[in-house]
Amino acid sequence: MKKTKFKLKTHRGAHKRFKITASGKVIAKHAGLRHILTKRSSKNKRKKRNPKILNSIEARRVRIMLPYS
């Protein structure tokens, strides 16, 4: 009998929230754009519209949760 390695499970919450680009960077959506937006400035809301690239430490944590991305 041949021993096989076990498969790692993908963290489903992380799978829904993060994407990994072709160059290996991790993309996430900005927080704070769901409700109570009247007190926020237009500049702030505009900046949060586009996704952000996580820094290396946060990206490392996400990559552990997404083994096959």
N, C-alpha and C. Protein backbone atom coordinates (compact mmCIF):
# COMPACT_ATOMS: atom_id res chain seq x y z
N MET A 1 0.83 -1.19 0.00
CA MET A 1 0.00 0.00 0.00
C MET A 1 0.86 1.24 0.00
N LYS A 2 0.41 2.21 -0.77
CA LYS A 2 1.14 3.47 -0.86
C LYS A 2 0.50 4.48 0.09
N LYS A 3 1.33 5.13 0.90
CA LYS A 3 0.81 6.15 1.80
C LYS A 3 0.64 7.46 1.04
N THR A 4 -0.48 8.11 1.28
CA THR A 4 -0.72 9.39 0.64
C THR A 4 -0.80 10.48 1.70
N LYS A 5 -0.42 11.68 1.31
CA LYS A 5 -0.53 12.81 2.23
C LYS A 5 -1.99 13.22 2.33
N PHE A 6 -2.33 13.75 3.47
CA PHE A 6 -3.71 14.19 3.65
C PHE A 6 -3.92 15.54 2.98
N LYS A 7 -5.16 15.81 2.63
CA LYS A 7 -5.49 17.07 1.99
C LYS A 7 -5.77 18.13 3.05
N LEU A 8 -5.33 19.35 2.79
CA LEU A 8 -5.59 20.45 3.71
C LEU A 8 -6.93 21.08 3.36
N LYS A 9 -7.65 21.49 4.39
CA LYS A 9 -8.94 22.13 4.15
C LYS A 9 -8.76 23.63 3.99
N THR A 10 -9.50 24.19 3.06
CA THR A 10 -9.50 25.63 2.85
C THR A 10 -10.41 26.26 3.89
N HIS A 11 -9.98 27.36 4.48
CA HIS A 11 -10.81 28.11 5.42
C HIS A 11 -11.87 28.84 4.60
N ARG A 12 -13.13 28.43 4.75
CA ARG A 12 -14.19 28.93 3.87
C ARG A 12 -14.45 30.43 4.06
N GLY A 13 -14.29 30.93 5.26
CA GLY A 13 -14.47 32.35 5.50
C GLY A 13 -13.41 33.17 4.78
N ALA A 14 -12.18 32.70 4.82
CA ALA A 14 -11.08 33.38 4.13
C ALA A 14 -11.25 33.28 2.62
N HIS A 15 -11.75 32.14 2.17
CA HIS A 15 -11.95 31.92 0.73
C HIS A 15 -12.93 32.94 0.15
N LYS A 16 -13.93 33.31 0.94
CA LYS A 16 -14.94 34.26 0.49
C LYS A 16 -14.45 35.71 0.56
N ARG A 17 -13.48 36.00 1.42
CA ARG A 17 -13.07 37.37 1.66
C ARG A 17 -11.80 37.81 0.93
N PHE A 18 -10.95 36.87 0.57
CA PHE A 18 -9.65 37.22 -0.02
C PHE A 18 -9.46 36.58 -1.38
N LYS A 19 -8.67 37.27 -2.21
CA LYS A 19 -8.28 36.71 -3.52
C LYS A 19 -6.77 36.85 -3.64
N ILE A 20 -6.15 35.91 -4.31
CA ILE A 20 -4.71 35.97 -4.53
C ILE A 20 -4.47 36.26 -6.00
N THR A 21 -3.68 37.30 -6.27
CA THR A 21 -3.42 37.73 -7.64
C THR A 21 -2.43 36.78 -8.30
N ALA A 22 -2.24 36.96 -9.60
CA ALA A 22 -1.31 36.12 -10.35
C ALA A 22 0.13 36.29 -9.85
N SER A 23 0.45 37.49 -9.36
CA SER A 23 1.80 37.73 -8.85
C SER A 23 1.96 37.29 -7.40
N GLY A 24 0.88 36.80 -6.78
CA GLY A 24 0.96 36.26 -5.43
C GLY A 24 0.54 37.21 -4.33
N LYS A 25 0.08 38.40 -4.68
CA LYS A 25 -0.36 39.36 -3.66
C LYS A 25 -1.78 38.99 -3.21
N VAL A 26 -2.12 39.38 -1.98
CA VAL A 26 -3.44 39.07 -1.43
C VAL A 26 -4.27 40.34 -1.43
N ILE A 27 -5.48 40.23 -2.00
CA ILE A 27 -6.39 41.37 -2.12
C ILE A 27 -7.56 41.18 -1.16
N ALA A 28 -7.96 42.27 -0.50
CA ALA A 28 -9.11 42.24 0.40
C ALA A 28 -9.94 43.50 0.20
N LYS A 29 -11.20 43.42 0.61
CA LYS A 29 -12.08 44.58 0.54
C LYS A 29 -11.87 45.43 1.79
N HIS A 30 -11.98 46.74 1.65
CA HIS A 30 -11.85 47.65 2.79
C HIS A 30 -13.04 47.47 3.74
N ALA A 31 -12.79 47.67 5.01
CA ALA A 31 -13.85 47.63 6.02
C ALA A 31 -14.50 49.00 6.14
N GLY A 32 -15.69 49.04 6.72
CA GLY A 32 -16.34 50.30 7.03
C GLY A 32 -17.09 50.94 5.89
N LEU A 33 -17.70 50.14 5.05
CA LEU A 33 -18.45 50.70 3.92
C LEU A 33 -19.84 50.06 3.82
N ARG A 34 -20.39 49.63 4.95
CA ARG A 34 -21.67 48.95 4.96
C ARG A 34 -22.83 49.86 5.36
N HIS A 35 -22.68 50.57 6.48
CA HIS A 35 -23.77 51.42 6.96
C HIS A 35 -23.19 52.60 7.72
N ILE A 36 -24.05 53.55 8.08
CA ILE A 36 -23.66 54.82 8.72
C ILE A 36 -22.58 55.52 7.89
N LEU A 37 -22.90 55.74 6.63
CA LEU A 37 -21.94 56.36 5.73
C LEU A 37 -22.11 57.87 5.65
N THR A 38 -23.15 58.40 6.26
CA THR A 38 -23.40 59.85 6.16
C THR A 38 -22.33 60.65 6.86
N LYS A 39 -21.76 60.11 7.91
CA LYS A 39 -20.72 60.84 8.64
C LYS A 39 -19.34 60.73 7.98
N ARG A 40 -19.19 59.83 7.05
CA ARG A 40 -17.90 59.66 6.38
C ARG A 40 -17.78 60.63 5.20
N SER A 41 -16.56 61.06 4.94
CA SER A 41 -16.33 61.99 3.84
C SER A 41 -16.39 61.25 2.51
N SER A 42 -16.67 61.99 1.46
CA SER A 42 -16.71 61.39 0.11
C SER A 42 -15.36 60.82 -0.26
N LYS A 43 -14.29 61.50 0.13
CA LYS A 43 -12.93 61.05 -0.16
C LYS A 43 -12.68 59.69 0.49
N ASN A 44 -13.11 59.55 1.75
CA ASN A 44 -12.93 58.31 2.49
C ASN A 44 -13.69 57.17 1.82
N LYS A 45 -14.94 57.42 1.45
CA LYS A 45 -15.77 56.39 0.80
C LYS A 45 -15.20 56.00 -0.56
N ARG A 46 -14.71 56.98 -1.29
CA ARG A 46 -14.13 56.73 -2.61
C ARG A 46 -12.89 55.85 -2.51
N LYS A 47 -12.04 56.11 -1.51
CA LYS A 47 -10.82 55.33 -1.33
C LYS A 47 -11.12 53.88 -0.93
N LYS A 48 -12.20 53.70 -0.19
CA LYS A 48 -12.56 52.36 0.28
C LYS A 48 -13.24 51.52 -0.79
N ARG A 49 -13.63 52.15 -1.89
CA ARG A 49 -14.31 51.43 -2.97
C ARG A 49 -13.40 50.37 -3.60
N ASN A 50 -12.15 50.72 -3.80
CA ASN A 50 -11.20 49.81 -4.46
C ASN A 50 -10.59 48.85 -3.44
N PRO A 51 -10.23 47.64 -3.88
CA PRO A 51 -9.65 46.68 -2.95
C PRO A 51 -8.26 47.10 -2.49
N LYS A 52 -7.84 46.56 -1.35
CA LYS A 52 -6.52 46.87 -0.83
C LYS A 52 -5.64 45.64 -0.92
N ILE A 53 -4.33 45.86 -0.99
CA ILE A 53 -3.35 44.78 -0.99
C ILE A 53 -2.83 44.64 0.43
N LEU A 54 -2.91 43.45 0.98
CA LEU A 54 -2.48 43.23 2.36
C LEU A 54 -0.97 43.27 2.48
N ASN A 55 -0.49 43.68 3.65
CA ASN A 55 0.96 43.67 3.87
C ASN A 55 1.44 42.24 4.06
N SER A 56 2.74 42.06 4.08
CA SER A 56 3.33 40.72 4.03
C SER A 56 2.93 39.84 5.21
N ILE A 57 2.81 40.43 6.40
CA ILE A 57 2.48 39.64 7.59
C ILE A 57 1.04 39.15 7.53
N GLU A 58 0.12 40.04 7.16
CA GLU A 58 -1.28 39.64 7.04
C GLU A 58 -1.45 38.65 5.89
N ALA A 59 -0.74 38.88 4.79
CA ALA A 59 -0.84 38.00 3.62
C ALA A 59 -0.37 36.59 3.96
N ARG A 60 0.65 36.47 4.79
CA ARG A 60 1.16 35.16 5.19
C ARG A 60 0.08 34.38 5.94
N ARG A 61 -0.66 35.06 6.82
CA ARG A 61 -1.73 34.41 7.57
C ARG A 61 -2.84 33.92 6.64
N VAL A 62 -3.16 34.74 5.64
CA VAL A 62 -4.23 34.38 4.71
C VAL A 62 -3.80 33.20 3.85
N ARG A 63 -2.55 33.18 3.42
CA ARG A 63 -2.07 32.08 2.57
C ARG A 63 -2.09 30.74 3.29
N ILE A 64 -1.90 30.75 4.61
CA ILE A 64 -2.01 29.52 5.38
C ILE A 64 -3.44 29.00 5.34
N MET A 65 -4.41 29.93 5.38
CA MET A 65 -5.82 29.53 5.36
C MET A 65 -6.29 29.12 3.97
N LEU A 66 -5.55 29.55 2.93
CA LEU A 66 -5.91 29.22 1.55
C LEU A 66 -4.79 28.40 0.91
N PRO A 67 -4.68 27.12 1.24
CA PRO A 67 -3.53 26.33 0.79
C PRO A 67 -3.48 26.08 -0.72
N TYR A 68 -4.59 26.09 -1.40
CA TYR A 68 -4.57 25.73 -2.83
C TYR A 68 -4.87 26.92 -3.74
N SER A 69 -4.62 28.13 -3.27
CA SER A 69 -4.88 29.33 -4.10
C SER A 69 -3.61 29.76 -4.80
